[in-house]
Protein backbone atom coordinates (compact mmCIF):
# COMPACT_ATOMS: atom_id res chain seq x y z
CA UNK A 1 14.60 -10.20 -4.31
CA UNK A 2 11.16 -9.10 -5.87
CA UNK A 3 9.91 -6.14 -4.24
CA UNK A 4 5.88 -5.84 -4.15
CA UNK A 5 4.07 -2.44 -3.33
CA UNK A 6 0.85 -4.19 -1.32
CA UNK A 7 -1.60 -3.60 1.46
CA UNK A 8 -1.04 -4.87 5.43
CA UNK A 9 -4.33 -4.70 7.09
CA UNK A 10 -4.21 -3.37 10.80
CA UNK A 11 -7.45 -2.34 12.75
CA UNK A 12 -9.70 -4.32 14.61
CA UNK A 13 -11.91 -6.68 13.90
CA UNK A 14 -14.88 -5.69 11.31
CA UNK A 15 -13.00 -2.23 11.50
CA UNK A 16 -10.01 -2.85 8.74
CA UNK A 17 -7.32 -0.20 8.39
CA UNK A 18 -4.60 -0.25 5.47
CA UNK A 19 -0.97 0.59 5.47
CA UNK A 20 -0.13 0.99 2.02
CA UNK A 21 3.91 -0.79 2.74
CA UNK A 22 6.72 -1.65 0.33
CA UNK A 23 7.58 -4.91 1.05
CA UNK A 24 9.54 -8.83 0.01
CA UNK A 25 6.82 -10.37 -1.92
CA UNK A 26 7.81 -13.36 0.49
CA UNK A 27 6.93 -11.68 3.55
CA UNK A 28 3.41 -12.35 5.09
CA UNK A 29 0.61 -10.16 4.64
CA UNK A 30 0.88 -8.14 8.06
CA UNK A 31 4.65 -9.11 8.58
CA UNK A 32 8.03 -7.22 7.87
CA UNK A 33 8.01 -4.14 5.34
CA UNK A 34 10.67 -2.07 4.00
CA UNK A 35 8.80 1.44 4.15
CA UNK A 36 5.35 2.47 5.10
CA UNK A 37 4.10 4.65 2.02
CA UNK A 38 0.96 5.49 2.70
CA UNK A 39 -2.83 4.66 4.53
CA UNK A 40 -6.06 3.47 3.23
CA UNK A 41 -9.27 3.47 5.26
CA UNK A 42 -12.27 2.17 3.75
CA UNK A 43 -14.54 3.04 6.52
CA UNK A 44 -15.05 6.41 5.50
CA UNK A 45 -17.92 7.83 3.64
CA UNK A 46 -15.55 8.70 1.14
CA UNK A 47 -13.12 6.30 1.38
CA UNK A 48 -9.66 7.89 2.72
CA UNK A 49 -6.62 7.89 0.65
CA UNK A 50 -3.35 8.97 1.21
CA UNK A 51 0.02 7.50 -0.79
CA UNK A 52 3.77 9.23 -0.51
CA UNK A 53 3.54 10.07 -4.37
CA UNK A 54 7.54 10.34 -4.45
CA UNK A 55 8.52 7.72 -2.59
CA UNK A 56 5.71 5.75 -4.36
CA UNK A 57 7.57 6.26 -7.88
CA UNK A 58 11.33 5.90 -6.49
CA UNK A 59 10.01 2.59 -5.57
CA UNK A 60 8.47 1.62 -8.80
CA UNK A 61 11.69 3.26 -10.51
CA UNK A 62 13.64 0.68 -8.41
CA UNK A 63 11.25 -2.08 -10.05
CA UNK A 64 8.96 -2.79 -7.14
CA UNK A 65 5.20 -3.96 -8.51
CA UNK A 66 2.22 -3.01 -7.41
CA UNK A 67 -0.80 -5.23 -6.11
CA UNK A 68 -3.81 -4.61 -8.28
CA UNK A 69 -5.70 -3.22 -5.39
CA UNK A 70 -2.77 -0.52 -5.01
CA UNK A 71 -2.85 0.02 -9.03
CA UNK A 72 -6.70 1.28 -8.64
CA UNK A 73 -5.71 3.63 -5.77
CA UNK A 74 -2.63 4.96 -6.95
CA UNK A 75 -4.71 5.17 -10.06
CA UNK A 76 -7.41 7.13 -8.36
CA UNK A 77 -5.26 9.28 -7.12
CA UNK A 78 -4.08 10.56 -10.51
CA UNK A 79 -0.84 9.82 -9.97
């Protein structure tokens, strides 16, 4: 089982809101996930990103691989 840290899309049509989740790589984008570790709201003027750095570090130590988008969010947050 390969584990990834990726975005799951929520919100209405044309109004995206994303959760940063830890999920099995084979599960669907908005499907079942192991843990929610943050949120990302691209609609606000300064983009709102909240991340639980302790849990993200834990999952990365366990071998979870962040997606490209999540990797850039982590870098912007300074983790």
